[in-house]
Amino acid sequence: MSLRGRIIFRGEDITYKAIHERAKAGLAIAFQSPPAIRGIKLRDMIALAGGINPWTSKSDAGFVETILRKVNMEPSLYMDRELNVGFSGGERKRSELAQIFAMRPKLIILDEIDSGVDIDSLRVLGGSLREYLEANRCSAIVITHHRHILQYLKPNKVHIMSNGRIVLSGTYEELIPKIESLGYEALIKGATASG
């Protein structure tokens, strides 16, 4: 199958742009499994994401502390730890979200930000993300297999995919109650039968 098309972001064709060029344009992505990296401190990674080179200039500790607090990570406990080394699933996701917030993107793509996290981390992730999106007039594409994070985000558009295609679109208020009452499989079956 040959896919065709273009990716237009903020009026610019970024289809063939390199990853760093897409990031400079204001696009950020969080992956399902953030890696653990020995030898790099979380504070340095957040500083780098915020445009501060911690190895050649004086790092702005206040900036890093502010970002960490936005994702409910106590700076004194996390700043000097190696990036995601020994972190729980929820801590890894909050660490990655902190790096994204430091970048100040205009669009965030989140690939299963809610997988492998407990209820408390899910609440923190959802609340932190909602606050960031509202305060920074930022958009997000949230890819999830579960609906739980959506209760914190209340998205204005929900798309349901099956076999690589969007089979249903609607508002949060329209589709989430249907998933809860019918179940995903029955809802998909009904959508593909009528479509």
Protein backbone atom coordinates (compact mmCIF):
# COMPACT_ATOMS: atom_id res chain seq x y z
CA MET A 1 0.00 0.00 0.00
CA SER A 2 1.41 3.35 -1.03
CA LEU A 3 0.54 6.31 1.16
CA ARG A 4 0.43 9.75 -0.33
CA GLY A 5 -0.09 13.19 1.02
CA ARG A 6 1.63 16.01 2.79
CA ILE A 7 1.96 17.14 6.38
CA ILE A 8 1.20 20.85 6.67
CA PHE A 9 1.96 22.31 10.07
CA ARG A 10 1.32 25.98 10.80
CA GLY A 11 1.25 26.71 7.07
CA GLU A 12 4.54 24.94 6.32
CA ASP A 13 5.06 21.63 4.53
CA ILE A 14 7.06 19.48 6.98
CA THR A 15 6.55 16.17 5.18
CA TYR A 16 10.24 15.65 4.43
CA LYS A 17 11.75 17.76 7.19
CA ALA A 18 14.27 16.17 9.56
CA ILE A 19 13.18 15.51 13.14
CA HIS A 20 15.16 18.47 14.53
CA GLU A 21 13.55 20.78 11.96
CA ARG A 22 10.08 19.58 12.96
CA ALA A 23 10.97 20.20 16.61
CA LYS A 24 12.14 23.75 15.79
CA ALA A 25 8.83 24.32 14.00
CA GLY A 26 7.03 23.56 17.30
CA LEU A 27 6.20 19.85 17.07
CA ALA A 28 6.99 17.49 19.97
CA ILE A 29 6.37 13.79 20.42
CA ALA A 30 6.31 11.57 23.50
CA PHE A 31 6.82 7.89 22.94
CA GLN A 32 5.18 4.96 24.68
CA SER A 33 8.41 3.76 26.32
CA PRO A 34 10.79 6.61 27.21
CA PRO A 35 14.34 5.23 27.40
CA ALA A 36 16.61 5.23 30.44
CA ILE A 37 19.94 6.89 29.64
CA ARG A 38 22.90 6.57 32.00
CA GLY A 39 25.29 9.49 32.23
CA ILE A 40 22.73 12.22 31.44
CA LYS A 41 21.03 13.97 34.31
CA LEU A 42 17.35 14.83 34.07
CA ARG A 43 18.17 18.49 34.82
CA ASP A 44 20.50 18.64 31.81
CA MET A 45 17.96 17.07 29.49
CA ILE A 46 15.25 19.53 30.56
CA ALA A 47 17.68 22.43 30.17
CA LEU A 48 18.62 21.24 26.67
CA ALA A 49 14.96 20.88 25.72
CA GLY A 50 14.47 24.46 26.88
CA GLY A 51 17.31 25.75 24.70
CA ILE A 52 19.90 25.98 27.49
CA ASN A 53 23.24 24.21 27.01
CA PRO A 54 24.10 23.06 30.56
CA TRP A 55 27.71 22.19 29.63
CA THR A 56 28.76 25.55 28.15
CA SER A 57 26.58 28.00 30.02
CA LYS A 58 25.28 28.36 33.52
CA SER A 59 22.20 26.17 33.75
CA ASP A 60 19.03 27.90 34.84
CA ALA A 61 18.14 25.78 37.88
CA GLY A 62 15.01 27.87 38.44
CA PHE A 63 13.75 26.99 34.96
CA VAL A 64 14.30 23.26 35.53
CA GLU A 65 12.68 23.39 38.96
CA THR A 66 9.60 25.15 37.58
CA ILE A 67 9.21 22.58 34.81
CA LEU A 68 9.59 19.63 37.20
CA ARG A 69 6.97 21.06 39.54
CA LYS A 70 4.53 21.29 36.61
CA VAL A 71 4.58 17.48 36.41
CA ASN A 72 4.60 16.92 40.18
CA MET A 73 8.26 15.86 40.40
CA GLU A 74 10.04 17.30 43.45
CA PRO A 75 13.20 18.94 41.99
CA SER A 76 15.45 18.01 44.92
CA LEU A 77 14.60 14.33 44.37
CA TYR A 78 14.84 14.19 40.57
CA MET A 79 17.09 16.92 39.11
CA ASP A 80 20.37 15.11 39.63
CA ARG A 81 19.17 11.61 38.79
CA GLU A 82 20.18 9.95 35.55
CA LEU A 83 17.52 10.24 32.87
CA ASN A 84 14.76 7.73 33.69
CA VAL A 85 17.23 5.31 35.35
CA GLY A 86 15.32 3.47 38.09
CA PHE A 87 12.16 5.50 37.38
CA SER A 88 8.73 3.90 37.64
CA GLY A 89 6.45 3.92 34.59
CA GLY A 90 4.66 7.04 35.83
CA GLU A 91 7.93 8.82 36.64
CA ARG A 92 9.25 8.09 33.14
CA LYS A 93 6.13 9.54 31.55
CA ARG A 94 6.24 12.63 33.79
CA SER A 95 9.95 13.06 33.01
CA GLU A 96 9.21 12.99 29.29
CA LEU A 97 6.30 15.40 29.68
CA ALA A 98 8.63 17.78 31.58
CA GLN A 99 11.08 17.69 28.66
CA ILE A 100 8.25 18.46 26.25
CA PHE A 101 6.97 21.35 28.37
CA ALA A 102 10.50 22.79 28.37
CA MET A 103 10.44 22.82 24.55
CA ARG A 104 7.26 24.98 24.51
CA PRO A 105 5.79 23.22 21.45
CA LYS A 106 2.65 24.22 19.58
CA LEU A 107 1.60 20.60 18.90
CA ILE A 108 2.30 17.59 21.11
CA ILE A 109 1.82 14.04 19.86
CA LEU A 110 1.49 11.62 22.77
CA ASP A 111 1.81 7.92 21.99
CA GLU A 112 0.14 6.04 24.84
CA ILE A 113 1.18 8.48 27.55
CA ASP A 114 -1.17 6.55 29.83
CA SER A 115 0.24 3.04 29.39
CA GLY A 116 2.06 1.51 32.34
CA VAL A 117 1.08 4.22 34.82
CA ASP A 118 -0.90 4.00 38.04
CA ILE A 119 -4.05 5.98 38.84
CA ASP A 120 -2.17 8.73 40.68
CA SER A 121 0.30 9.26 37.83
CA LEU A 122 -2.54 9.23 35.32
CA ARG A 123 -4.25 12.03 37.26
CA VAL A 124 -1.00 14.04 37.40
CA LEU A 125 -0.26 13.48 33.71
CA GLY A 126 -3.79 14.40 32.64
CA GLY A 127 -3.99 17.46 34.87
CA SER A 128 -0.50 18.72 33.98
CA LEU A 129 -1.13 18.25 30.30
CA ARG A 130 -4.52 20.00 30.42
CA GLU A 131 -2.99 22.98 32.27
CA TYR A 132 -0.13 23.22 29.78
CA LEU A 133 -2.42 23.04 26.74
CA GLU A 134 -4.73 25.73 28.10
CA ALA A 135 -1.96 28.07 29.30
CA ASN A 136 0.10 27.81 26.11
CA ARG A 137 -2.65 27.60 23.49
CA CYS A 138 -1.16 24.31 22.39
CA SER A 139 -2.81 21.39 20.62
CA ALA A 140 -2.31 17.70 21.28
CA ILE A 141 -2.90 14.43 19.50
CA VAL A 142 -3.34 11.76 22.15
CA ILE A 143 -3.03 8.15 20.98
CA THR A 144 -4.48 5.78 23.58
CA HIS A 145 -5.96 2.31 23.96
CA HIS A 146 -7.78 3.42 27.09
CA ARG A 147 -10.23 6.25 27.67
CA HIS A 148 -9.15 7.13 31.21
CA ILE A 149 -6.76 9.99 30.42
CA LEU A 150 -9.43 11.63 28.27
CA GLN A 151 -11.52 12.48 31.34
CA TYR A 152 -8.79 14.95 32.34
CA LEU A 153 -8.28 16.37 28.86
CA LYS A 154 -11.88 16.53 27.60
CA PRO A 155 -10.79 16.62 23.94
CA ASN A 156 -12.92 18.53 21.46
CA LYS A 157 -12.55 15.79 18.83
CA VAL A 158 -12.24 12.02 19.21
CA HIS A 159 -11.34 9.62 16.39
CA ILE A 160 -11.63 5.87 16.76
CA MET A 161 -9.38 3.74 14.58
CA SER A 162 -9.61 0.13 13.49
CA ASN A 163 -7.21 -1.63 11.14
CA GLY A 164 -5.32 1.59 10.48
CA ARG A 165 -8.39 3.60 9.48
CA ILE A 166 -10.54 6.15 11.25
CA VAL A 167 -13.96 4.50 11.51
CA LEU A 168 -15.72 6.95 13.84
CA SER A 169 -15.31 10.60 14.69
CA GLY A 170 -17.18 12.76 17.12
CA THR A 171 -16.97 14.71 20.33
CA TYR A 172 -15.84 13.33 23.66
CA GLU A 173 -19.43 13.58 24.91
CA GLU A 174 -20.77 11.63 21.90
CA LEU A 175 -18.30 8.77 21.65
CA ILE A 176 -16.94 7.99 25.12
CA PRO A 177 -20.37 7.10 26.62
CA LYS A 178 -20.98 4.80 23.61
CA ILE A 179 -17.67 3.02 24.22
CA GLU A 180 -18.55 2.65 27.90
CA SER A 181 -22.04 1.27 27.22
CA LEU A 182 -21.43 -0.85 24.10
CA GLY A 183 -17.74 -1.63 24.36
CA TYR A 184 -15.11 -0.87 21.74
CA GLU A 185 -15.59 -4.00 19.63
CA ALA A 186 -19.39 -3.66 19.36
CA LEU A 187 -19.09 0.03 18.53
CA ILE A 188 -16.49 -0.69 15.82
CA LYS A 189 -18.55 -3.54 14.43
CA GLY A 190 -21.61 -1.29 14.19
CA ALA A 191 -19.60 1.50 12.55
CA THR A 192 -17.94 -0.72 9.96
CA ALA A 193 -21.22 -2.51 9.14
CA SER A 194 -23.00 0.77 8.45
CA GLY A 195 -20.02 2.32 6.66
